[in-house]
Amino acid sequence: MNKIKAFFSNVKLEMFKVSWPTREELLNSTAVVVVSVALLAVFIGMADLFFTFMVGLIIK
């Protein structure tokens, strides 16, 4: 039981050492991720449509 208490005590100490991002940094990073995911989704969707069309032509 003492090992568990020591572990969580050390976790608490380490959490105070963490350099947390500012609100502005967090919002900017979130925006970059959302835009990147949206662009990737559009690209994958377009590639899927293209390959579906090409396979349809080959099968006919």
PDB file of N, CA and C in Angstrom:
ATOM      1  N   MET A   1       0.825  -1.198   0.000  1.00  0.00           N
ATOM      2  CA  MET A   1       0.000   0.000   0.000  1.00  0.00           C
ATOM      3  C   MET A   1       0.873   1.267   0.000  1.00  0.00           C
ATOM      4  N   ASN A   2       2.016   1.177   0.682  1.00  0.00           N
ATOM      5  CA  ASN A   2       2.906   2.343   0.732  1.00  0.00           C
ATOM      6  C   ASN A   2       3.478   2.670  -0.645  1.00  0.00           C
ATOM      7  N   LYS A   3       3.687   1.624  -1.475  1.00  0.00           N
ATOM      8  CA  LYS A   3       4.215   1.863  -2.813  1.00  0.00           C
ATOM      9  C   LYS A   3       3.200   2.629  -3.655  1.00  0.00           C
ATOM     10  N   ILE A   4       1.928   2.315  -3.460  1.00  0.00           N
ATOM     11  CA  ILE A   4       0.879   3.005  -4.225  1.00  0.00           C
ATOM     12  C   ILE A   4       0.821   4.468  -3.809  1.00  0.00           C
ATOM     13  N   LYS A   5       0.878   4.730  -2.522  1.00  0.00           N
ATOM     14  CA  LYS A   5       0.864   6.112  -2.026  1.00  0.00           C
ATOM     15  C   LYS A   5       2.084   6.875  -2.536  1.00  0.00           C
ATOM     16  N   ALA A   6       3.226   6.232  -2.520  1.00  0.00           N
ATOM     17  CA  ALA A   6       4.452   6.882  -2.994  1.00  0.00           C
ATOM     18  C   ALA A   6       4.352   7.177  -4.486  1.00  0.00           C
ATOM     19  N   PHE A   7       3.777   6.229  -5.230  1.00  0.00           N
ATOM     20  CA  PHE A   7       3.622   6.439  -6.671  1.00  0.00           C
ATOM     21  C   PHE A   7       2.775   7.674  -6.940  1.00  0.00           C
ATOM     22  N   PHE A   8       1.609   7.765  -6.312  1.00  0.00           N
ATOM     23  CA  PHE A   8       0.727   8.908  -6.566  1.00  0.00           C
ATOM     24  C   PHE A   8       1.306  10.204  -6.016  1.00  0.00           C
ATOM     25  N   SER A   9       2.085  10.120  -4.977  1.00  0.00           N
ATOM     26  CA  SER A   9       2.768  11.310  -4.469  1.00  0.00           C
ATOM     27  C   SER A   9       3.778  11.809  -5.495  1.00  0.00           C
ATOM     28  N   ASN A  10       4.503  10.883  -6.107  1.00  0.00           N
ATOM     29  CA  ASN A  10       5.469  11.256  -7.147  1.00  0.00           C
ATOM     30  C   ASN A  10       4.761  11.787  -8.391  1.00  0.00           C
ATOM     31  N   VAL A  11       3.622  11.209  -8.726  1.00  0.00           N
ATOM     32  CA  VAL A  11       2.846  11.708  -9.868  1.00  0.00           C
ATOM     33  C   VAL A  11       2.437  13.152  -9.614  1.00  0.00           C
ATOM     34  N   LYS A  12       1.962  13.433  -8.416  1.00  0.00           N
ATOM     35  CA  LYS A  12       1.546  14.789  -8.074  1.00  0.00           C
ATOM     36  C   LYS A  12       2.726  15.765  -8.196  1.00  0.00           C
ATOM     37  N   LEU A  13       3.891  15.370  -7.723  1.00  0.00           N
ATOM     38  CA  LEU A  13       5.070  16.230  -7.823  1.00  0.00           C
ATOM     39  C   LEU A  13       5.454  16.480  -9.278  1.00  0.00           C
ATOM     40  N   GLU A  14       5.400  15.452 -10.096  1.00  0.00           N
ATOM     41  CA  GLU A  14       5.743  15.600 -11.514  1.00  0.00           C
ATOM     42  C   GLU A  14       4.741  16.491 -12.243  1.00  0.00           C
ATOM     43  N   MET A  15       3.475  16.433 -11.858  1.00  0.00           N
ATOM     44  CA  MET A  15       2.461  17.249 -12.514  1.00  0.00           C
ATOM     45  C   MET A  15       2.720  18.741 -12.291  1.00  0.00           C
ATOM     46  N   PHE A  16       3.332  19.084 -11.171  1.00  0.00           N
ATOM     47  CA  PHE A  16       3.665  20.491 -10.931  1.00  0.00           C
ATOM     48  C   PHE A  16       4.831  20.948 -11.806  1.00  0.00           C
ATOM     49  N   LYS A  17       5.644  20.011 -12.268  1.00  0.00           N
ATOM     50  CA  LYS A  17       6.790  20.339 -13.113  1.00  0.00           C
ATOM     51  C   LYS A  17       6.418  20.496 -14.585  1.00  0.00           C
ATOM     52  N   VAL A  18       5.222  20.063 -14.946  1.00  0.00           N
ATOM     53  CA  VAL A  18       4.802  20.083 -16.350  1.00  0.00           C
ATOM     54  C   VAL A  18       4.633  21.523 -16.818  1.00  0.00           C
ATOM     55  N   SER A  19       5.099  21.787 -18.018  1.00  0.00           N
ATOM     56  CA  SER A  19       4.919  23.102 -18.640  1.00  0.00           C
ATOM     57  C   SER A  19       3.646  23.050 -19.489  1.00  0.00           C
ATOM     58  N   TRP A  20       2.545  23.533 -18.947  1.00  0.00           N
ATOM     59  CA  TRP A  20       1.258  23.474 -19.633  1.00  0.00           C
ATOM     60  C   TRP A  20       1.171  24.593 -20.666  1.00  0.00           C
ATOM     61  N   PRO A  21       0.526  24.339 -21.811  1.00  0.00           N
ATOM     62  CA  PRO A  21       0.401  25.384 -22.837  1.00  0.00           C
ATOM     63  C   PRO A  21      -0.566  26.481 -22.380  1.00  0.00           C
ATOM     64  N   THR A  22      -0.341  27.670 -22.928  1.00  0.00           N
ATOM     65  CA  THR A  22      -1.275  28.758 -22.638  1.00  0.00           C
ATOM     66  C   THR A  22      -2.567  28.495 -23.413  1.00  0.00           C
ATOM     67  N   ARG A  23      -3.614  29.240 -23.082  1.00  0.00           N
ATOM     68  CA  ARG A  23      -4.893  29.060 -23.769  1.00  0.00           C
ATOM     69  C   ARG A  23      -4.741  29.332 -25.272  1.00  0.00           C
ATOM     70  N   GLU A  24      -3.968  30.370 -25.603  1.00  0.00           N
ATOM     71  CA  GLU A  24      -3.768  30.721 -27.010  1.00  0.00           C
ATOM     72  C   GLU A  24      -3.032  29.609 -27.753  1.00  0.00           C
ATOM     73  N   GLU A  25      -1.983  29.060 -27.140  1.00  0.00           N
ATOM     74  CA  GLU A  25      -1.244  27.952 -27.758  1.00  0.00           C
ATOM     75  C   GLU A  25      -2.146  26.738 -27.953  1.00  0.00           C
ATOM     76  N   LEU A  26      -2.970  26.463 -26.966  1.00  0.00           N
ATOM     77  CA  LEU A  26      -3.875  25.323 -27.046  1.00  0.00           C
ATOM     78  C   LEU A  26      -4.894  25.495 -28.166  1.00  0.00           C
ATOM     79  N   LEU A  27      -5.475  26.689 -28.274  1.00  0.00           N
ATOM     80  CA  LEU A  27      -6.456  26.952 -29.328  1.00  0.00           C
ATOM     81  C   LEU A  27      -5.816  26.906 -30.713  1.00  0.00           C
ATOM     82  N   ASN A  28      -4.624  27.455 -30.845  1.00  0.00           N
ATOM     83  CA  ASN A  28      -3.919  27.411 -32.135  1.00  0.00           C
ATOM     84  C   ASN A  28      -3.583  25.974 -32.542  1.00  0.00           C
ATOM     85  N   SER A  29      -3.095  25.196 -31.599  1.00  0.00           N
ATOM     86  CA  SER A  29      -2.770  23.802 -31.894  1.00  0.00           C
ATOM     87  C   SER A  29      -4.025  23.017 -32.255  1.00  0.00           C
ATOM     88  N   THR A  30      -5.106  23.267 -31.549  1.00  0.00           N
ATOM     89  CA  THR A  30      -6.367  22.589 -31.841  1.00  0.00           C
ATOM     90  C   THR A  30      -6.859  22.948 -33.238  1.00  0.00           C
ATOM     91  N   ALA A  31      -6.750  24.206 -33.606  1.00  0.00           N
ATOM     92  CA  ALA A  31      -7.175  24.640 -34.936  1.00  0.00           C
ATOM     93  C   ALA A  31      -6.342  23.958 -36.018  1.00  0.00           C
ATOM     94  N   VAL A  32      -5.045  23.854 -35.800  1.00  0.00           N
ATOM     95  CA  VAL A  32      -4.174  23.189 -36.773  1.00  0.00           C
ATOM     96  C   VAL A  32      -4.586  21.728 -36.936  1.00  0.00           C
ATOM     97  N   VAL A  33      -4.864  21.046 -35.847  1.00  0.00           N
ATOM     98  CA  VAL A  33      -5.265  19.643 -35.907  1.00  0.00           C
ATOM     99  C   VAL A  33      -6.607  19.491 -36.621  1.00  0.00           C
ATOM    100  N   VAL A  34      -7.584  20.334 -36.295  1.00  0.00           N
ATOM    101  CA  VAL A  34      -8.910  20.231 -36.910  1.00  0.00           C
ATOM    102  C   VAL A  34      -8.828  20.481 -38.417  1.00  0.00           C
ATOM    103  N   VAL A  35      -8.093  21.501 -38.819  1.00  0.00           N
ATOM    104  CA  VAL A  35      -7.952  21.804 -40.254  1.00  0.00           C
ATOM    105  C   VAL A  35      -7.204  20.678 -40.963  1.00  0.00           C
ATOM    106  N   SER A  36      -6.148  20.169 -40.347  1.00  0.00           N
ATOM    107  CA  SER A  36      -5.385  19.071 -40.955  1.00  0.00           C
ATOM    108  C   SER A  36      -6.244  17.830 -41.139  1.00  0.00           C
ATOM    109  N   VAL A  37      -7.034  17.493 -40.142  1.00  0.00           N
ATOM    110  CA  VAL A  37      -7.904  16.318 -40.231  1.00  0.00           C
ATOM    111  C   VAL A  37      -8.962  16.530 -41.307  1.00  0.00           C
ATOM    112  N   ALA A  38      -9.525  17.732 -41.382  1.00  0.00           N
ATOM    113  CA  ALA A  38     -10.543  18.015 -42.395  1.00  0.00           C
ATOM    114  C   ALA A  38      -9.955  17.901 -43.802  1.00  0.00           C
ATOM    115  N   LEU A  39      -8.772  18.454 -44.019  1.00  0.00           N
ATOM    116  CA  LEU A  39      -8.125  18.359 -45.327  1.00  0.00           C
ATOM    117  C   LEU A  39      -7.801  16.909 -45.691  1.00  0.00           C
ATOM    118  N   LEU A  40      -7.310  16.165 -44.735  1.00  0.00           N
ATOM    119  CA  LEU A  40      -7.006  14.761 -44.984  1.00  0.00           C
ATOM    120  C   LEU A  40      -8.274  13.979 -45.303  1.00  0.00           C
ATOM    121  N   ALA A  41      -9.373  14.275 -44.605  1.00  0.00           N
ATOM    122  CA  ALA A  41     -10.641  13.593 -44.874  1.00  0.00           C
ATOM    123  C   ALA A  41     -11.139  13.897 -46.284  1.00  0.00           C
ATOM    124  N   VAL A  42     -11.012  15.150 -46.710  1.00  0.00           N
ATOM    125  CA  VAL A  42     -11.415  15.521 -48.075  1.00  0.00           C
ATOM    126  C   VAL A  42     -10.543  14.793 -49.091  1.00  0.00           C
ATOM    127  N   PHE A  43      -9.247  14.765 -48.863  1.00  0.00           N
ATOM    128  CA  PHE A  43      -8.335  14.084 -49.780  1.00  0.00           C
ATOM    129  C   PHE A  43      -8.663  12.596 -49.889  1.00  0.00           C
ATOM    130  N   ILE A  44      -8.863  11.941 -48.749  1.00  0.00           N
ATOM    131  CA  ILE A  44      -9.182  10.512 -48.761  1.00  0.00           C
ATOM    132  C   ILE A  44     -10.534  10.273 -49.436  1.00  0.00           C
ATOM    133  N   GLY A  45     -11.501  11.149 -49.182  1.00  0.00           N
ATOM    134  CA  GLY A  45     -12.804  11.023 -49.836  1.00  0.00           C
ATOM    135  C   GLY A  45     -12.709  11.157 -51.342  1.00  0.00           C
ATOM    136  N   MET A  46     -11.926  12.121 -51.803  1.00  0.00           N
ATOM    137  CA  MET A  46     -11.755  12.312 -53.244  1.00  0.00           C
ATOM    138  C   MET A  46     -11.023  11.119 -53.867  1.00  0.00           C
ATOM    139  N   ALA A  47     -10.014  10.617 -53.196  1.00  0.00           N
ATOM    140  CA  ALA A  47      -9.293   9.447 -53.697  1.00  0.00           C
ATOM    141  C   ALA A  47     -10.233   8.240 -53.765  1.00  0.00           C
ATOM    142  N   ASP A  48     -11.080   8.086 -52.764  1.00  0.00           N
ATOM    143  CA  ASP A  48     -12.047   6.983 -52.761  1.00  0.00           C
ATOM    144  C   ASP A  48     -13.009   7.097 -53.940  1.00  0.00           C
ATOM    145  N   LEU A  49     -13.516   8.298 -54.173  1.00  0.00           N
ATOM    146  CA  LEU A  49     -14.419   8.497 -55.311  1.00  0.00           C
ATOM    147  C   LEU A  49     -13.718   8.197 -56.635  1.00  0.00           C
ATOM    148  N   PHE A  50     -12.493   8.656 -56.761  1.00  0.00           N
ATOM    149  CA  PHE A  50     -11.725   8.424 -57.983  1.00  0.00           C
ATOM    150  C   PHE A  50     -11.522   6.926 -58.228  1.00  0.00           C
ATOM    151  N   PHE A  51     -11.062   6.220 -57.192  1.00  0.00           N
ATOM    152  CA  PHE A  51     -10.800   4.795 -57.368  1.00  0.00           C
ATOM    153  C   PHE A  51     -12.090   4.003 -57.573  1.00  0.00           C
ATOM    154  N   THR A  52     -13.171   4.414 -56.920  1.00  0.00           N
ATOM    155  CA  THR A  52     -14.457   3.768 -57.148  1.00  0.00           C
ATOM    156  C   THR A  52     -14.884   3.942 -58.600  1.00  0.00           C
ATOM    157  N   PHE A  53     -14.715   5.140 -59.123  1.00  0.00           N
ATOM    158  CA  PHE A  53     -15.055   5.412 -60.526  1.00  0.00           C
ATOM    159  C   PHE A  53     -14.187   4.582 -61.464  1.00  0.00           C
ATOM    160  N   MET A  54     -12.883   4.530 -61.189  1.00  0.00           N
ATOM    161  CA  MET A  54     -11.961   3.783 -62.056  1.00  0.00           C
ATOM    162  C   MET A  54     -12.273   2.286 -62.028  1.00  0.00           C
ATOM    163  N   VAL A  55     -12.545   1.736 -60.875  1.00  0.00           N
ATOM    164  CA  VAL A  55     -12.886   0.313 -60.777  1.00  0.00           C
ATOM    165  C   VAL A  55     -14.198   0.054 -61.508  1.00  0.00           C
ATOM    166  N   GLY A  56     -15.140   0.982 -61.410  1.00  0.00           N
ATOM    167  CA  GLY A  56     -16.402   0.845 -62.134  1.00  0.00           C
ATOM    168  C   GLY A  56     -16.187   0.793 -63.637  1.00  0.00           C
ATOM    169  N   LEU A  57     -15.260   1.609 -64.142  1.00  0.00           N
ATOM    170  CA  LEU A  57     -14.942   1.587 -65.575  1.00  0.00           C
ATOM    171  C   LEU A  57     -14.284   0.271 -65.982  1.00  0.00           C
ATOM    172  N   ILE A  58     -13.418  -0.238 -65.136  1.00  0.00           N
ATOM    173  CA  ILE A  58     -12.711  -1.478 -65.456  1.00  0.00           C
ATOM    174  C   ILE A  58     -13.678  -2.666 -65.450  1.00  0.00           C
ATOM    175  N   ILE A  59     -14.593  -2.691 -64.511  1.00  0.00           N
ATOM    176  CA  ILE A  59     -15.522  -3.811 -64.382  1.00  0.00           C
ATOM    177  C   ILE A  59     -16.499  -3.863 -65.560  1.00  0.00           C
ATOM    178  N   LYS A  60     -16.903  -2.703 -66.070  1.00  0.00           N
ATOM    179  CA  LYS A  60     -17.878  -2.677 -67.181  1.00  0.00           C
ATOM    180  C   LYS A  60     -17.310  -3.329 -68.354  1.00  0.00           C
TER     181      LYS A  60
END
